[in-house]
Amino acid sequence: QVQVVESGGGLVQAGDSLTLSCAVSGRSINLLAMGWFRRAPGKEREFVAGCSGSGIFTEYGESVKGRFTISRENAKNTAALEMNSLKPEDTAVYYCALARTKFGVTTSAGDFDAWGQGTQVTVSS
């Protein structure tokens, strides 16, 4: 059984940085796309960042481009999301996801079949 566990969330002030971690067990992440999504209160789930199975190709949501960086360590079966210059509108539950079979970077939630429980990020103004 695949398990995805996020950590690193918390309460920060606007302008601060935070790095989320994602640990996967039960399936090798090697050659599989990974992604980060978020859901803010009262809003739909939003794509945040994604990377290809190799980690070479990445894609970001418009609202986080230039501020967030996704990375992965296939040997450790982990991924991370570095978040800089945080804004109050970044407040949300952040989810890490592992693709079912897709290697290339994808923004589609349907391509991911293993999801974590989420970690709360709250940015105060």
PDB file of N, CA and C in Angstrom:
ATOM      1  N   GLN A   1       0.837  -1.189   0.000  1.00  0.00           N
ATOM      2  CA  GLN A   1       0.000   0.000   0.000  1.00  0.00           C
ATOM      3  C   GLN A   1       0.875   1.244   0.000  1.00  0.00           C
ATOM      4  N   VAL A   2       0.553   2.149  -0.870  1.00  0.00           N
ATOM      5  CA  VAL A   2       1.340   3.370  -0.986  1.00  0.00           C
ATOM      6  C   VAL A   2       0.917   4.365   0.088  1.00  0.00           C
ATOM      7  N   GLN A   3       1.901   4.954   0.725  1.00  0.00           N
ATOM      8  CA  GLN A   3       1.631   6.001   1.709  1.00  0.00           C
ATOM      9  C   GLN A   3       2.417   7.239   1.337  1.00  0.00           C
ATOM     10  N   VAL A   4       1.724   8.360   1.403  1.00  0.00           N
ATOM     11  CA  VAL A   4       2.337   9.649   1.130  1.00  0.00           C
ATOM     12  C   VAL A   4       2.126  10.518   2.371  1.00  0.00           C
ATOM     13  N   VAL A   5       3.197  11.025   2.909  1.00  0.00           N
ATOM     14  CA  VAL A   5       3.106  11.800   4.143  1.00  0.00           C
ATOM     15  C   VAL A   5       3.794  13.138   3.973  1.00  0.00           C
ATOM     16  N   GLU A   6       3.023  14.202   4.152  1.00  0.00           N
ATOM     17  CA  GLU A   6       3.578  15.547   4.091  1.00  0.00           C
ATOM     18  C   GLU A   6       3.941  16.021   5.496  1.00  0.00           C
ATOM     19  N   SER A   7       4.889  16.915   5.554  1.00  0.00           N
ATOM     20  CA  SER A   7       5.262  17.537   6.821  1.00  0.00           C
ATOM     21  C   SER A   7       5.867  18.904   6.529  1.00  0.00           C
ATOM     22  N   GLY A   8       5.973  19.696   7.580  1.00  0.00           N
ATOM     23  CA  GLY A   8       6.627  20.985   7.434  1.00  0.00           C
ATOM     24  C   GLY A   8       5.708  22.187   7.427  1.00  0.00           C
ATOM     25  N   GLY A   9       4.412  21.951   7.463  1.00  0.00           N
ATOM     26  CA  GLY A   9       3.493  23.072   7.477  1.00  0.00           C
ATOM     27  C   GLY A   9       3.554  23.822   8.805  1.00  0.00           C
ATOM     28  N   GLY A  10       2.904  24.963   8.815  1.00  0.00           N
ATOM     29  CA  GLY A  10       2.893  25.738  10.051  1.00  0.00           C
ATOM     30  C   GLY A  10       2.349  27.129   9.849  1.00  0.00           C
ATOM     31  N   LEU A  11       2.503  27.942  10.871  1.00  0.00           N
ATOM     32  CA  LEU A  11       2.043  29.331  10.853  1.00  0.00           C
ATOM     33  C   LEU A  11       3.258  30.233  10.656  1.00  0.00           C
ATOM     34  N   VAL A  12       3.221  31.038   9.614  1.00  0.00           N
ATOM     35  CA  VAL A  12       4.316  31.961   9.328  1.00  0.00           C
ATOM     36  C   VAL A  12       3.744  33.327   9.004  1.00  0.00           C
ATOM     37  N   GLN A  13       4.622  34.298   8.940  1.00  0.00           N
ATOM     38  CA  GLN A  13       4.211  35.649   8.575  1.00  0.00           C
ATOM     39  C   GLN A  13       4.444  35.884   7.091  1.00  0.00           C
ATOM     40  N   ALA A  14       3.726  36.838   6.567  1.00  0.00           N
ATOM     41  CA  ALA A  14       3.906  37.205   5.166  1.00  0.00           C
ATOM     42  C   ALA A  14       5.366  37.565   4.916  1.00  0.00           C
ATOM     43  N   GLY A  15       5.889  37.052   3.810  1.00  0.00           N
ATOM     44  CA  GLY A  15       7.283  37.297   3.462  1.00  0.00           C
ATOM     45  C   GLY A  15       8.227  36.205   3.927  1.00  0.00           C
ATOM     46  N   ASP A  16       7.769  35.360   4.816  1.00  0.00           N
ATOM     47  CA  ASP A  16       8.598  34.270   5.326  1.00  0.00           C
ATOM     48  C   ASP A  16       8.721  33.147   4.303  1.00  0.00           C
ATOM     49  N   SER A  17       9.593  32.213   4.639  1.00  0.00           N
ATOM     50  CA  SER A  17       9.782  31.021   3.812  1.00  0.00           C
ATOM     51  C   SER A  17       9.434  29.775   4.603  1.00  0.00           C
ATOM     52  N   LEU A  18       9.082  28.742   3.882  1.00  0.00           N
ATOM     53  CA  LEU A  18       8.727  27.464   4.505  1.00  0.00           C
ATOM     54  C   LEU A  18       9.002  26.366   3.485  1.00  0.00           C
ATOM     55  N   THR A  19       9.489  25.247   3.960  1.00  0.00           N
ATOM     56  CA  THR A  19       9.716  24.117   3.063  1.00  0.00           C
ATOM     57  C   THR A  19       8.891  22.929   3.523  1.00  0.00           C
ATOM     58  N   LEU A  20       8.085  22.426   2.619  1.00  0.00           N
ATOM     59  CA  LEU A  20       7.287  21.232   2.887  1.00  0.00           C
ATOM     60  C   LEU A  20       8.034  20.005   2.390  1.00  0.00           C
ATOM     61  N   SER A  21       7.887  18.920   3.131  1.00  0.00           N
ATOM     62  CA  SER A  21       8.513  17.666   2.739  1.00  0.00           C
ATOM     63  C   SER A  21       7.443  16.621   2.464  1.00  0.00           C
ATOM     64  N   CYS A  22       7.811  15.679   1.612  1.00  0.00           N
ATOM     65  CA  CYS A  22       6.881  14.611   1.237  1.00  0.00           C
ATOM     66  C   CYS A  22       7.660  13.303   1.221  1.00  0.00           C
ATOM     67  N   ALA A  23       7.221  12.357   2.020  1.00  0.00           N
ATOM     68  CA  ALA A  23       7.862  11.045   2.078  1.00  0.00           C
ATOM     69  C   ALA A  23       6.902   9.997   1.553  1.00  0.00           C
ATOM     70  N   VAL A  24       7.386   9.165   0.654  1.00  0.00           N
ATOM     71  CA  VAL A  24       6.557   8.134   0.032  1.00  0.00           C
ATOM     72  C   VAL A  24       7.080   6.759   0.419  1.00  0.00           C
ATOM     73  N   SER A  25       6.173   5.876   0.742  1.00  0.00           N
ATOM     74  CA  SER A  25       6.538   4.485   1.011  1.00  0.00           C
ATOM     75  C   SER A  25       5.575   3.577   0.281  1.00  0.00           C
ATOM     76  N   GLY A  26       6.039   2.381  -0.022  1.00  0.00           N
ATOM     77  CA  GLY A  26       5.186   1.415  -0.687  1.00  0.00           C
ATOM     78  C   GLY A  26       5.250   1.445  -2.205  1.00  0.00           C
ATOM     79  N   ARG A  27       5.887   2.445  -2.764  1.00  0.00           N
ATOM     80  CA  ARG A  27       6.084   2.535  -4.221  1.00  0.00           C
ATOM     81  C   ARG A  27       7.291   3.415  -4.477  1.00  0.00           C
ATOM     82  N   SER A  28       8.135   2.998  -5.379  1.00  0.00           N
ATOM     83  CA  SER A  28       9.269   3.834  -5.754  1.00  0.00           C
ATOM     84  C   SER A  28       8.779   5.018  -6.573  1.00  0.00           C
ATOM     85  N   ILE A  29       9.269   6.208  -6.234  1.00  0.00           N
ATOM     86  CA  ILE A  29       8.856   7.392  -6.979  1.00  0.00           C
ATOM     87  C   ILE A  29       9.675   7.563  -8.262  1.00  0.00           C
ATOM     88  N   ASN A  30      10.696   6.720  -8.394  1.00  0.00           N
ATOM     89  CA  ASN A  30      11.569   6.822  -9.565  1.00  0.00           C
ATOM     90  C   ASN A  30      10.761   6.704 -10.852  1.00  0.00           C
ATOM     91  N   LEU A  31      10.946   7.636 -11.752  1.00  0.00           N
ATOM     92  CA  LEU A  31      10.294   7.670 -13.066  1.00  0.00           C
ATOM     93  C   LEU A  31       8.817   8.037 -13.009  1.00  0.00           C
ATOM     94  N   LEU A  32       8.326   8.444 -11.870  1.00  0.00           N
ATOM     95  CA  LEU A  32       6.927   8.864 -11.751  1.00  0.00           C
ATOM     96  C   LEU A  32       6.840  10.352 -11.435  1.00  0.00           C
ATOM     97  N   ALA A  33       5.914  11.009 -12.109  1.00  0.00           N
ATOM     98  CA  ALA A  33       5.704  12.428 -11.842  1.00  0.00           C
ATOM     99  C   ALA A  33       5.200  12.635 -10.415  1.00  0.00           C
ATOM    100  N   MET A  34       5.538  13.772  -9.873  1.00  0.00           N
ATOM    101  CA  MET A  34       5.039  14.152  -8.557  1.00  0.00           C
ATOM    102  C   MET A  34       4.476  15.561  -8.630  1.00  0.00           C
ATOM    103  N   GLY A  35       3.600  15.859  -7.698  1.00  0.00           N
ATOM    104  CA  GLY A  35       2.991  17.175  -7.716  1.00  0.00           C
ATOM    105  C   GLY A  35       2.588  17.637  -6.333  1.00  0.00           C
ATOM    106  N   TRP A  36       2.391  18.919  -6.228  1.00  0.00           N
ATOM    107  CA  TRP A  36       1.852  19.551  -5.024  1.00  0.00           C
ATOM    108  C   TRP A  36       0.591  20.305  -5.421  1.00  0.00           C
ATOM    109  N   PHE A  37      -0.424  20.120  -4.632  1.00  0.00           N
ATOM    110  CA  PHE A  37      -1.687  20.821  -4.817  1.00  0.00           C
ATOM    111  C   PHE A  37      -2.051  21.471  -3.490  1.00  0.00           C
ATOM    112  N   ARG A  38      -3.007  22.387  -3.540  1.00  0.00           N
ATOM    113  CA  ARG A  38      -3.464  22.993  -2.295  1.00  0.00           C
ATOM    114  C   ARG A  38      -4.955  23.288  -2.381  1.00  0.00           C
ATOM    115  N   ARG A  39      -5.551  23.356  -1.209  1.00  0.00           N
ATOM    116  CA  ARG A  39      -6.966  23.721  -1.132  1.00  0.00           C
ATOM    117  C   ARG A  39      -7.130  24.729  -0.018  1.00  0.00           C
ATOM    118  N   ALA A  40      -7.573  25.901  -0.403  1.00  0.00           N
ATOM    119  CA  ALA A  40      -7.848  26.958   0.566  1.00  0.00           C
ATOM    120  C   ALA A  40      -9.305  26.858   1.004  1.00  0.00           C
ATOM    121  N   PRO A  41      -9.640  27.368   2.170  1.00  0.00           N
ATOM    122  CA  PRO A  41     -11.026  27.303   2.650  1.00  0.00           C
ATOM    123  C   PRO A  41     -11.988  27.906   1.639  1.00  0.00           C
ATOM    124  N   GLY A  42     -13.016  27.158   1.302  1.00  0.00           N
ATOM    125  CA  GLY A  42     -14.034  27.657   0.400  1.00  0.00           C
ATOM    126  C   GLY A  42     -13.639  27.692  -1.061  1.00  0.00           C
ATOM    127  N   LYS A  43     -12.477  27.141  -1.377  1.00  0.00           N
ATOM    128  CA  LYS A  43     -12.012  27.161  -2.761  1.00  0.00           C
ATOM    129  C   LYS A  43     -11.759  25.744  -3.266  1.00  0.00           C
ATOM    130  N   GLU A  44     -11.660  25.617  -4.569  1.00  0.00           N
ATOM    131  CA  GLU A  44     -11.377  24.323  -5.159  1.00  0.00           C
ATOM    132  C   GLU A  44      -9.884  24.010  -5.049  1.00  0.00           C
ATOM    133  N   ARG A  45      -9.572  22.730  -5.191  1.00  0.00           N
ATOM    134  CA  ARG A  45      -8.177  22.310  -5.183  1.00  0.00           C
ATOM    135  C   ARG A  45      -7.427  22.979  -6.338  1.00  0.00           C
ATOM    136  N   GLU A  46      -6.230  23.390  -6.063  1.00  0.00           N
ATOM    137  CA  GLU A  46      -5.442  24.146  -7.035  1.00  0.00           C
ATOM    138  C   GLU A  46      -4.087  23.487  -7.236  1.00  0.00           C
ATOM    139  N   PHE A  47      -3.673  23.371  -8.477  1.00  0.00           N
ATOM    140  CA  PHE A  47      -2.335  22.879  -8.786  1.00  0.00           C
ATOM    141  C   PHE A  47      -1.308  23.914  -8.346  1.00  0.00           C
ATOM    142  N   VAL A  48      -0.266  23.443  -7.664  1.00  0.00           N
ATOM    143  CA  VAL A  48       0.781  24.339  -7.196  1.00  0.00           C
ATOM    144  C   VAL A  48       2.085  24.127  -7.968  1.00  0.00           C
ATOM    145  N   ALA A  49       2.552  22.890  -7.997  1.00  0.00           N
ATOM    146  CA  ALA A  49       3.828  22.606  -8.650  1.00  0.00           C
ATOM    147  C   ALA A  49       3.893  21.135  -9.021  1.00  0.00           C
ATOM    148  N   GLY A  50       4.642  20.847 -10.076  1.00  0.00           N
ATOM    149  CA  GLY A  50       4.813  19.470 -10.494  1.00  0.00           C
ATOM    150  C   GLY A  50       6.181  19.269 -11.085  1.00  0.00           C
ATOM    151  N   CYS A  51       6.659  18.024 -11.028  1.00  0.00           N
ATOM    152  CA  CYS A  51       7.935  17.716 -11.649  1.00  0.00           C
ATOM    153  C   CYS A  51       7.854  16.353 -12.310  1.00  0.00           C
ATOM    154  N   SER A  52       8.672  16.182 -13.335  1.00  0.00           N
ATOM    155  CA  SER A  52       8.713  14.923 -14.056  1.00  0.00           C
ATOM    156  C   SER A  52       9.402  13.856 -13.216  1.00  0.00           C
ATOM    157  N   GLY A  53       9.363  12.639 -13.708  1.00  0.00           N
ATOM    158  CA  GLY A  53       9.975  11.537 -12.981  1.00  0.00           C
ATOM    159  C   GLY A  53      11.455  11.708 -12.749  1.00  0.00           C
ATOM    160  N   SER A  54      12.096  12.426 -13.625  1.00  0.00           N
ATOM    161  CA  SER A  54      13.531  12.674 -13.480  1.00  0.00           C
ATOM    162  C   SER A  54      13.811  13.898 -12.632  1.00  0.00           C
ATOM    163  N   GLY A  55      12.781  14.737 -12.478  1.00  0.00           N
ATOM    164  CA  GLY A  55      12.960  15.992 -11.759  1.00  0.00           C
ATOM    165  C   GLY A  55      13.486  17.119 -12.621  1.00  0.00           C
ATOM    166  N   ILE A  56      13.799  16.809 -13.871  1.00  0.00           N
ATOM    167  CA  ILE A  56      14.383  17.824 -14.757  1.00  0.00           C
ATOM    168  C   ILE A  56      13.348  18.853 -15.185  1.00  0.00           C
ATOM    169  N   PHE A  57      12.150  18.385 -15.466  1.00  0.00           N
ATOM    170  CA  PHE A  57      11.101  19.283 -15.950  1.00  0.00           C
ATOM    171  C   PHE A  57      10.144  19.613 -14.805  1.00  0.00           C
ATOM    172  N   THR A  58       9.828  20.890 -14.683  1.00  0.00           N
ATOM    173  CA  THR A  58       8.927  21.340 -13.633  1.00  0.00           C
ATOM    174  C   THR A  58       7.893  22.294 -14.206  1.00  0.00           C
ATOM    175  N   GLU A  59       6.808  22.444 -13.488  1.00  0.00           N
ATOM    176  CA  GLU A  59       5.771  23.381 -13.876  1.00  0.00           C
ATOM    177  C   GLU A  59       5.137  23.926 -12.608  1.00  0.00           C
ATOM    178  N   TYR A  60       4.694  25.185 -12.690  1.00  0.00           N
ATOM    179  CA  TYR A  60       4.152  25.845 -11.512  1.00  0.00           C
ATOM    180  C   TYR A  60       2.845  26.549 -11.831  1.00  0.00           C
ATOM    181  N   GLY A  61       2.008  26.648 -10.827  1.00  0.00           N
ATOM    182  CA  GLY A  61       0.814  27.442 -10.961  1.00  0.00           C
ATOM    183  C   GLY A  61       1.185  28.911 -11.078  1.00  0.00           C
ATOM    184  N   GLU A  62       0.359  29.659 -11.780  1.00  0.00           N
ATOM    185  CA  GLU A  62       0.680  31.062 -12.031  1.00  0.00           C
ATOM    186  C   GLU A  62       0.887  31.857 -10.746  1.00  0.00           C
ATOM    187  N   SER A  63       0.122  31.533  -9.727  1.00  0.00           N
ATOM    188  CA  SER A  63       0.176  32.326  -8.498  1.00  0.00           C
ATOM    189  C   SER A  63       1.441  32.077  -7.672  1.00  0.00           C
ATOM    190  N   VAL A  64       2.189  31.024  -7.996  1.00  0.00           N
ATOM    191  CA  VAL A  64       3.380  30.722  -7.202  1.00  0.00           C
ATOM    192  C   VAL A  64       4.675  30.780  -8.007  1.00  0.00           C
ATOM    193  N   LYS A  65       4.563  31.017  -9.289  1.00  0.00           N
ATOM    194  CA  LYS A  65       5.766  31.070 -10.135  1.00  0.00           C
ATOM    195  C   LYS A  65       6.758  32.097  -9.610  1.00  0.00           C
ATOM    196  N   GLY A  66       8.015  31.689  -9.556  1.00  0.00           N
ATOM    197  CA  GLY A  66       9.056  32.584  -9.088  1.00  0.00           C
ATOM    198  C   GLY A  66       9.220  32.604  -7.580  1.00  0.00           C
ATOM    199  N   ARG A  67       8.281  31.983  -6.872  1.00  0.00           N
ATOM    200  CA  ARG A  67       8.353  31.983  -5.405  1.00  0.00           C
ATOM    201  C   ARG A  67       8.527  30.564  -4.842  1.00  0.00           C
ATOM    202  N   PHE A  68       7.936  29.585  -5.518  1.00  0.00           N
ATOM    203  CA  PHE A  68       7.975  28.208  -5.037  1.00  0.00           C
ATOM    204  C   PHE A  68       8.897  27.369  -5.925  1.00  0.00           C
ATOM    205  N   THR A  69       9.525  26.373  -5.319  1.00  0.00           N
ATOM    206  CA  THR A  69      10.385  25.461  -6.059  1.00  0.00           C
ATOM    207  C   THR A  69      10.115  24.025  -5.613  1.00  0.00           C
ATOM    208  N   ILE A  70       9.832  23.173  -6.586  1.00  0.00           N
ATOM    209  CA  ILE A  70       9.620  21.762  -6.288  1.00  0.00           C
ATOM    210  C   ILE A  70      10.917  21.014  -6.545  1.00  0.00           C
ATOM    211  N   SER A  71      11.172  20.016  -5.710  1.00  0.00           N
ATOM    212  CA  SER A  71      12.361  19.196  -5.900  1.00  0.00           C
ATOM    213  C   SER A  71      12.048  17.769  -5.460  1.00  0.00           C
ATOM    214  N   ARG A  72      12.940  16.853  -5.810  1.00  0.00           N
ATOM    215  CA  ARG A  72      12.736  15.467  -5.429  1.00  0.00           C
ATOM    216  C   ARG A  72      14.072  14.770  -5.280  1.00  0.00           C
ATOM    217  N   GLU A  73      14.087  13.757  -4.443  1.00  0.00           N
ATOM    218  CA  GLU A  73      15.268  12.900  -4.284  1.00  0.00           C
ATOM    219  C   GLU A  73      14.794  11.465  -4.473  1.00  0.00           C
ATOM    220  N   ASN A  74      14.953  10.978  -5.679  1.00  0.00           N
ATOM    221  CA  ASN A  74      14.447   9.646  -5.987  1.00  0.00           C
ATOM    222  C   ASN A  74      15.082   8.569  -5.115  1.00  0.00           C
ATOM    223  N   ALA A  75      16.343   8.731  -4.806  1.00  0.00           N
ATOM    224  CA  ALA A  75      17.032   7.734  -3.996  1.00  0.00           C
ATOM    225  C   ALA A  75      16.447   7.629  -2.585  1.00  0.00           C
ATOM    226  N   LYS A  76      15.875   8.726  -2.115  1.00  0.00           N
ATOM    227  CA  LYS A  76      15.292   8.745  -0.767  1.00  0.00           C
ATOM    228  C   LYS A  76      13.771   8.621  -0.807  1.00  0.00           C
ATOM    229  N   ASN A  77      13.221   8.574  -2.021  1.00  0.00           N
ATOM    230  CA  ASN A  77      11.756   8.497  -2.183  1.00  0.00           C
ATOM    231  C   ASN A  77      11.057   9.677  -1.512  1.00  0.00           C
ATOM    232  N   THR A  78      11.621  10.845  -1.706  1.00  0.00           N
ATOM    233  CA  THR A  78      11.056  12.034  -1.096  1.00  0.00           C
ATOM    234  C   THR A  78      10.969  13.175  -2.107  1.00  0.00           C
ATOM    235  N   ALA A  79      10.159  14.139  -1.760  1.00  0.00           N
ATOM    236  CA  ALA A  79      10.031  15.354  -2.552  1.00  0.00           C
ATOM    237  C   ALA A  79       9.894  16.520  -1.584  1.00  0.00           C
ATOM    238  N   ALA A  80      10.024  17.709  -2.120  1.00  0.00           N
ATOM    239  CA  ALA A  80       9.919  18.890  -1.267  1.00  0.00           C
ATOM    240  C   ALA A  80       9.331  20.041  -2.054  1.00  0.00           C
ATOM    241  N   LEU A  81       8.791  20.992  -1.330  1.00  0.00           N
ATOM    242  CA  LEU A  81       8.281  22.222  -1.929  1.00  0.00           C
ATOM    243  C   LEU A  81       8.818  23.379  -1.114  1.00  0.00           C
ATOM    244  N   GLU A  82       9.733  24.111  -1.698  1.00  0.00           N
ATOM    245  CA  GLU A  82      10.292  25.291  -1.039  1.00  0.00           C
ATOM    246  C   GLU A  82       9.425  26.485  -1.387  1.00  0.00           C
ATOM    247  N   MET A  83       8.957  27.156  -0.369  1.00  0.00           N
ATOM    248  CA  MET A  83       8.047  28.278  -0.568  1.00  0.00           C
ATOM    249  C   MET A  83       8.674  29.549   0.004  1.00  0.00           C
ATOM    250  N   ASN A  84       8.866  30.525  -0.832  1.00  0.00           N
ATOM    251  CA  ASN A  84       9.458  31.797  -0.427  1.00  0.00           C
ATOM    252  C   ASN A  84       8.461  32.930  -0.628  1.00  0.00           C
ATOM    253  N   SER A  85       8.745  34.040   0.018  1.00  0.00           N
ATOM    254  CA  SER A  85       7.901  35.232  -0.112  1.00  0.00           C
ATOM    255  C   SER A  85       6.427  34.877   0.059  1.00  0.00           C
ATOM    256  N   LEU A  86       6.134  34.181   1.098  1.00  0.00           N
ATOM    257  CA  LEU A  86       4.764  33.712   1.306  1.00  0.00           C
ATOM    258  C   LEU A  86       3.803  34.869   1.505  1.00  0.00           C
ATOM    259  N   LYS A  87       2.593  34.668   1.005  1.00  0.00           N
ATOM    260  CA  LYS A  87       1.537  35.665   1.083  1.00  0.00           C
ATOM    261  C   LYS A  87       0.347  35.077   1.824  1.00  0.00           C
ATOM    262  N   PRO A  88      -0.493  35.916   2.398  1.00  0.00           N
ATOM    263  CA  PRO A  88      -1.688  35.394   3.089  1.00  0.00           C
ATOM    264  C   PRO A  88      -2.540  34.524   2.172  1.00  0.00           C
ATOM    265  N   GLU A  89      -2.551  34.823   0.893  1.00  0.00           N
ATOM    266  CA  GLU A  89      -3.354  34.029  -0.047  1.00  0.00           C
ATOM    267  C   GLU A  89      -2.760  32.652  -0.322  1.00  0.00           C
ATOM    268  N   ASP A  90      -1.580  32.376   0.211  1.00  0.00           N
ATOM    269  CA  ASP A  90      -0.997  31.041   0.108  1.00  0.00           C
ATOM    270  C   ASP A  90      -1.531  30.119   1.208  1.00  0.00           C
ATOM    271  N   THR A  91      -2.293  30.674   2.119  1.00  0.00           N
ATOM    272  CA  THR A  91      -2.865  29.876   3.203  1.00  0.00           C
ATOM    273  C   THR A  91      -3.764  28.788   2.634  1.00  0.00           C
ATOM    274  N   ALA A  92      -3.469  27.543   2.987  1.00  0.00           N
ATOM    275  CA  ALA A  92      -4.210  26.400   2.450  1.00  0.00           C
ATOM    276  C   ALA A  92      -3.666  25.122   3.069  1.00  0.00           C
ATOM    277  N   VAL A  93      -4.352  24.043   2.796  1.00  0.00           N
ATOM    278  CA  VAL A  93      -3.814  22.714   3.083  1.00  0.00           C
ATOM    279  C   VAL A  93      -3.083  22.265   1.828  1.00  0.00           C
ATOM    280  N   TYR A  94      -1.854  21.864   2.007  1.00  0.00           N
ATOM    281  CA  TYR A  94      -1.013  21.467   0.885  1.00  0.00           C
ATOM    282  C   TYR A  94      -0.901  19.943   0.827  1.00  0.00           C
ATOM    283  N   TYR A  95      -1.082  19.409  -0.381  1.00  0.00           N
ATOM    284  CA  TYR A  95      -1.066  17.973  -0.588  1.00  0.00           C
ATOM    285  C   TYR A  95       0.047  17.584  -1.560  1.00  0.00           C
ATOM    286  N   CYS A  96       0.737  16.525  -1.224  1.00  0.00           N
ATOM    287  CA  CYS A  96       1.725  15.933  -2.111  1.00  0.00           C
ATOM    288  C   CYS A  96       1.070  14.750  -2.815  1.00  0.00           C
ATOM    289  N   ALA A  97       1.405  14.562  -4.076  1.00  0.00           N
ATOM    290  CA  ALA A  97       0.788  13.485  -4.837  1.00  0.00           C
ATOM    291  C   ALA A  97       1.804  12.808  -5.744  1.00  0.00           C
ATOM    292  N   LEU A  98       1.605  11.501  -5.911  1.00  0.00           N
ATOM    293  CA  LEU A  98       2.474  10.680  -6.759  1.00  0.00           C
ATOM    294  C   LEU A  98       1.658  10.127  -7.917  1.00  0.00           C
ATOM    295  N   ALA A  99       2.210  10.227  -9.111  1.00  0.00           N
ATOM    296  CA  ALA A  99       1.492   9.764 -10.294  1.00  0.00           C
ATOM    297  C   ALA A  99       1.348   8.252 -10.316  1.00  0.00           C
ATOM    298  N   ARG A 100       0.279   7.825 -10.971  1.00  0.00           N
ATOM    299  CA  ARG A 100       0.021   6.380 -11.133  1.00  0.00           C
ATOM    300  C   ARG A 100       1.058   5.760 -12.050  1.00  0.00           C
ATOM    301  N   THR A 101       1.203   6.334 -13.238  1.00  0.00           N
ATOM    302  CA  THR A 101       2.150   5.781 -14.202  1.00  0.00           C
ATOM    303  C   THR A 101       2.881   6.859 -14.990  1.00  0.00           C
ATOM    304  N   LYS A 102       2.392   8.072 -14.944  1.00  0.00           N
ATOM    305  CA  LYS A 102       2.912   9.128 -15.801  1.00  0.00           C
ATOM    306  C   LYS A 102       4.321   9.554 -15.409  1.00  0.00           C
ATOM    307  N   PHE A 103       5.176   9.692 -16.399  1.00  0.00           N
ATOM    308  CA  PHE A 103       6.543  10.137 -16.177  1.00  0.00           C
ATOM    309  C   PHE A 103       6.688  11.647 -16.360  1.00  0.00           C
ATOM    310  N   GLY A 104       6.058  12.180 -17.392  1.00  0.00           N
ATOM    311  CA  GLY A 104       6.187  13.597 -17.689  1.00  0.00           C
ATOM    312  C   GLY A 104       5.456  14.465 -16.679  1.00  0.00           C
ATOM    313  N   VAL A 105       5.898  15.693 -16.559  1.00  0.00           N
ATOM    314  CA  VAL A 105       5.265  16.615 -15.618  1.00  0.00           C
ATOM    315  C   VAL A 105       3.813  16.833 -16.020  1.00  0.00           C
ATOM    316  N   THR A 106       2.945  16.885 -15.041  1.00  0.00           N
ATOM    317  CA  THR A 106       1.523  17.042 -15.304  1.00  0.00           C
ATOM    318  C   THR A 106       0.885  17.927 -14.251  1.00  0.00           C
ATOM    319  N   THR A 107      -0.125  18.672 -14.667  1.00  0.00           N
ATOM    320  CA  THR A 107      -0.861  19.530 -13.744  1.00  0.00           C
ATOM    321  C   THR A 107      -2.220  18.934 -13.402  1.00  0.00           C
ATOM    322  N   SER A 108      -2.538  17.805 -14.018  1.00  0.00           N
ATOM    323  CA  SER A 108      -3.849  17.199 -13.847  1.00  0.00           C
ATOM    324  C   SER A 108      -3.916  16.295 -12.634  1.00  0.00           C
ATOM    325  N   ALA A 109      -4.837  16.611 -11.730  1.00  0.00           N
ATOM    326  CA  ALA A 109      -4.981  15.803 -10.518  1.00  0.00           C
ATOM    327  C   ALA A 109      -5.337  14.354 -10.843  1.00  0.00           C
ATOM    328  N   GLY A 110      -5.997  14.146 -11.967  1.00  0.00           N
ATOM    329  CA  GLY A 110      -6.395  12.799 -12.359  1.00  0.00           C
ATOM    330  C   GLY A 110      -5.241  11.870 -12.671  1.00  0.00           C
ATOM    331  N   ASP A 111      -4.069  12.428 -12.903  1.00  0.00           N
ATOM    332  CA  ASP A 111      -2.897  11.604 -13.195  1.00  0.00           C
ATOM    333  C   ASP A 111      -2.247  11.057 -11.925  1.00  0.00           C
ATOM    334  N   PHE A 112      -2.713  11.536 -10.773  1.00  0.00           N
ATOM    335  CA  PHE A 112      -2.123  11.124  -9.498  1.00  0.00           C
ATOM    336  C   PHE A 112      -3.082  10.209  -8.752  1.00  0.00           C
ATOM    337  N   ASP A 113      -2.554   9.116  -8.239  1.00  0.00           N
ATOM    338  CA  ASP A 113      -3.439   8.204  -7.519  1.00  0.00           C
ATOM    339  C   ASP A 113      -3.017   7.995  -6.065  1.00  0.00           C
ATOM    340  N   ALA A 114      -1.920   8.564  -5.660  1.00  0.00           N
ATOM    341  CA  ALA A 114      -1.474   8.444  -4.268  1.00  0.00           C
ATOM    342  C   ALA A 114      -1.345   9.847  -3.691  1.00  0.00           C
ATOM    343  N   TRP A 115      -2.115  10.118  -2.658  1.00  0.00           N
ATOM    344  CA  TRP A 115      -2.170  11.453  -2.074  1.00  0.00           C
ATOM    345  C   TRP A 115      -1.901  11.369  -0.578  1.00  0.00           C
ATOM    346  N   GLY A 116      -1.280  12.417  -0.084  1.00  0.00           N
ATOM    347  CA  GLY A 116      -1.098  12.518   1.350  1.00  0.00           C
ATOM    348  C   GLY A 116      -2.321  13.102   2.020  1.00  0.00           C
ATOM    349  N   GLN A 117      -2.278  13.182   3.338  1.00  0.00           N
ATOM    350  CA  GLN A 117      -3.390  13.729   4.106  1.00  0.00           C
ATOM    351  C   GLN A 117      -3.361  15.247   4.130  1.00  0.00           C
ATOM    352  N   GLY A 118      -2.247  15.813   3.752  1.00  0.00           N
ATOM    353  CA  GLY A 118      -2.158  17.266   3.699  1.00  0.00           C
ATOM    354  C   GLY A 118      -1.494  17.863   4.921  1.00  0.00           C
ATOM    355  N   THR A 119      -0.910  19.025   4.728  1.00  0.00           N
ATOM    356  CA  THR A 119      -0.298  19.766   5.830  1.00  0.00           C
ATOM    357  C   THR A 119      -0.739  21.222   5.719  1.00  0.00           C
ATOM    358  N   GLN A 120      -1.134  21.781   6.841  1.00  0.00           N
ATOM    359  CA  GLN A 120      -1.691  23.140   6.848  1.00  0.00           C
ATOM    360  C   GLN A 120      -0.580  24.186   6.815  1.00  0.00           C
ATOM    361  N   VAL A 121      -0.742  25.124   5.932  1.00  0.00           N
ATOM    362  CA  VAL A 121       0.139  26.290   5.881  1.00  0.00           C
ATOM    363  C   VAL A 121      -0.721  27.525   6.084  1.00  0.00           C
ATOM    364  N   THR A 122      -0.391  28.311   7.079  1.00  0.00           N
ATOM    365  CA  THR A 122      -1.133  29.528   7.376  1.00  0.00           C
ATOM    366  C   THR A 122      -0.175  30.701   7.357  1.00  0.00           C
ATOM    367  N   VAL A 123      -0.492  31.679   6.534  1.00  0.00           N
ATOM    368  CA  VAL A 123       0.366  32.852   6.396  1.00  0.00           C
ATOM    369  C   VAL A 123      -0.398  34.055   6.932  1.00  0.00           C
ATOM    370  N   SER A 124       0.123  34.668   7.960  1.00  0.00           N
ATOM    371  CA  SER A 124      -0.535  35.827   8.556  1.00  0.00           C
ATOM    372  C   SER A 124       0.008  37.106   7.934  1.00  0.00           C
ATOM    373  N   SER A 125      -0.848  38.107   7.890  1.00  0.00           N
ATOM    374  CA  SER A 125      -0.443  39.382   7.266  1.00  0.00           C
ATOM    375  C   SER A 125       0.210  40.300   8.278  1.00  0.00           C
TER     376      SER A 125
END
